[in-house]
């Protein structure tokens, strides 16, 4: 008897039913960047602690961040920080009750992605320009 009732109940939608949309992917990426920022802050704290401990410890950490892998981590952290911040501004706009038009939501998602890439590259170009 329990099987008869459960067969008549509608199935809950699942990822197999939904077509991936940009806004859905941006929501997932926003959450992933939040987790990435958590671990990036651990790197920042490690850098600050190394500066407080000794010159040799700080030089070792600086050597790691100067290596190609360390710079890749810093580049990813920079992108995640900018992407997450722009996504936060998008959510702040929505909290005011504005920006719920479907075309504008799609435009904001594209602007968030493009803006985070452009701002990250611009920040790194300026950073390397200051270093030179």
Protein backbone atom coordinates (compact mmCIF):
# COMPACT_ATOMS: atom_id res chain seq x y z
CA UNK A 1 0.00 0.00 0.00
CA UNK A 2 2.86 2.41 0.73
CA UNK A 3 4.26 1.73 -2.73
CA UNK A 4 1.00 2.83 -4.36
CA UNK A 5 1.07 6.24 -2.65
CA UNK A 6 4.76 6.86 -3.33
CA UNK A 7 4.30 6.04 -7.03
CA UNK A 8 1.70 8.80 -7.38
CA UNK A 9 3.88 11.47 -5.75
CA UNK A 10 5.73 13.84 -8.09
CA UNK A 11 9.49 13.52 -8.28
CA UNK A 12 11.62 16.38 -7.07
CA UNK A 13 13.55 18.16 -9.85
CA UNK A 14 17.21 17.25 -10.02
CA UNK A 15 20.28 18.46 -11.86
CA UNK A 16 19.50 16.01 -14.65
CA UNK A 17 16.33 17.96 -15.40
CA UNK A 18 17.69 21.50 -15.20
CA UNK A 19 19.56 22.99 -18.12
CA UNK A 20 22.74 24.65 -16.84
CA UNK A 21 22.34 28.42 -17.02
CA UNK A 22 24.94 31.13 -16.52
CA UNK A 23 23.25 32.46 -13.40
CA UNK A 24 23.15 28.98 -11.88
CA UNK A 25 26.85 28.47 -12.64
CA UNK A 26 27.68 31.90 -11.21
CA UNK A 27 25.89 30.99 -8.00
CA UNK A 28 27.98 27.84 -7.71
CA UNK A 29 31.19 29.74 -8.52
CA UNK A 30 30.28 32.38 -5.93
CA UNK A 31 30.13 29.68 -3.27
CA UNK A 32 33.37 28.07 -4.47
CA UNK A 33 35.18 31.41 -4.41
CA UNK A 34 33.93 31.94 -0.86
CA UNK A 35 35.54 28.67 0.18
CA UNK A 36 38.69 29.57 -1.78
CA UNK A 37 38.88 32.90 0.04
CA UNK A 38 38.75 31.06 3.34
CA UNK A 39 41.87 29.11 2.43
CA UNK A 40 43.49 32.20 0.88
CA UNK A 41 43.17 34.00 4.19
CA UNK A 42 45.13 31.13 5.75
CA UNK A 43 47.94 31.92 3.29
CA UNK A 44 47.75 35.61 4.20
CA UNK A 45 47.92 34.84 7.92
CA UNK A 46 50.88 32.53 7.27
CA UNK A 47 52.65 35.34 5.42
CA UNK A 48 51.99 37.78 8.27
CA UNK A 49 53.12 35.25 10.88
CA UNK A 50 56.32 34.59 8.93
CA UNK A 51 57.00 38.32 8.90
CA UNK A 52 56.57 38.41 12.66
CA UNK A 53 58.74 35.35 13.39
CA UNK A 54 62.04 36.03 11.63
CA UNK A 55 63.70 37.25 8.48
CA UNK A 56 64.62 33.70 7.46
CA UNK A 57 61.03 32.48 7.85
CA UNK A 58 59.71 35.48 5.92
CA UNK A 59 62.26 34.88 3.14
CA UNK A 60 61.11 31.26 2.87
CA UNK A 61 57.46 32.28 2.54
CA UNK A 62 58.37 35.02 0.07
CA UNK A 63 60.32 32.42 -1.92
CA UNK A 64 57.21 30.24 -2.05
CA UNK A 65 55.01 33.13 -3.23
CA UNK A 66 57.69 34.13 -5.74
CA UNK A 67 57.67 30.65 -7.30
CA UNK A 68 55.35 30.12 -10.29
CA UNK A 69 53.01 27.95 -8.20
CA UNK A 70 52.81 30.54 -5.43
CA UNK A 71 52.08 33.27 -7.94
CA UNK A 72 49.38 31.11 -9.50
CA UNK A 73 47.80 30.74 -6.05
CA UNK A 74 47.99 34.50 -5.50
CA UNK A 75 46.50 35.15 -8.94
CA UNK A 76 43.64 32.75 -8.18
CA UNK A 77 43.13 34.35 -4.77
CA UNK A 78 42.99 37.80 -6.39
CA UNK A 79 40.44 36.65 -8.95
CA UNK A 80 38.34 34.90 -6.29
CA UNK A 81 38.38 38.01 -4.10
CA UNK A 82 37.31 40.32 -6.92
CA UNK A 83 34.74 37.86 -8.29
CA UNK A 84 33.24 37.29 -4.86
CA UNK A 85 33.12 41.04 -4.15
CA UNK A 86 31.38 41.79 -7.44
CA UNK A 87 28.93 38.98 -6.75
CA UNK A 88 28.29 40.51 -3.35
CA UNK A 89 27.52 43.85 -4.98
CA UNK A 90 25.10 42.07 -7.30
CA UNK A 91 23.34 40.53 -4.31
CA UNK A 92 23.31 43.91 -2.55
CA UNK A 93 21.49 45.35 -5.57
CA UNK A 94 18.96 42.54 -5.36
CA UNK A 95 18.48 43.21 -1.64
CA UNK A 96 17.19 46.66 -2.55
CA UNK A 97 14.47 45.03 -4.66
CA UNK A 98 15.99 46.09 -7.99
CA UNK A 99 17.50 44.19 -10.87
CA UNK A 100 15.11 41.26 -11.13
CA UNK A 101 14.41 41.63 -14.84
CA UNK A 102 15.56 38.39 -16.50
CA UNK A 103 17.65 40.17 -19.13
CA UNK A 104 19.29 42.36 -16.48
CA UNK A 105 20.05 39.33 -14.30
CA UNK A 106 21.80 37.68 -17.25
CA UNK A 107 23.67 40.91 -18.02
CA UNK A 108 24.80 41.21 -14.39
CA UNK A 109 26.10 37.63 -14.42
CA UNK A 110 28.11 38.30 -17.58
CA UNK A 111 29.35 41.62 -16.20
CA UNK A 112 30.41 39.92 -12.97
CA UNK A 113 32.44 37.33 -14.86
CA UNK A 114 33.99 39.77 -17.33
CA UNK A 115 34.60 42.41 -14.68
CA UNK A 116 36.37 40.00 -12.36
CA UNK A 117 38.68 38.83 -15.14
CA UNK A 118 39.44 42.35 -16.40
CA UNK A 119 39.96 43.81 -12.92
CA UNK A 120 42.22 40.92 -11.89
CA UNK A 121 44.39 41.28 -14.99
CA UNK A 122 44.48 45.07 -14.56
CA UNK A 123 45.48 44.76 -10.91
CA UNK A 124 48.28 42.33 -11.73
CA UNK A 125 49.55 44.46 -14.64
CA UNK A 126 49.64 47.50 -12.35
CA UNK A 127 51.34 45.42 -9.65
CA UNK A 128 54.05 44.24 -11.99
CA UNK A 129 54.41 47.79 -13.33
CA UNK A 130 55.02 49.12 -9.82
CA UNK A 131 57.56 46.35 -9.10
CA UNK A 132 59.61 47.12 -12.21
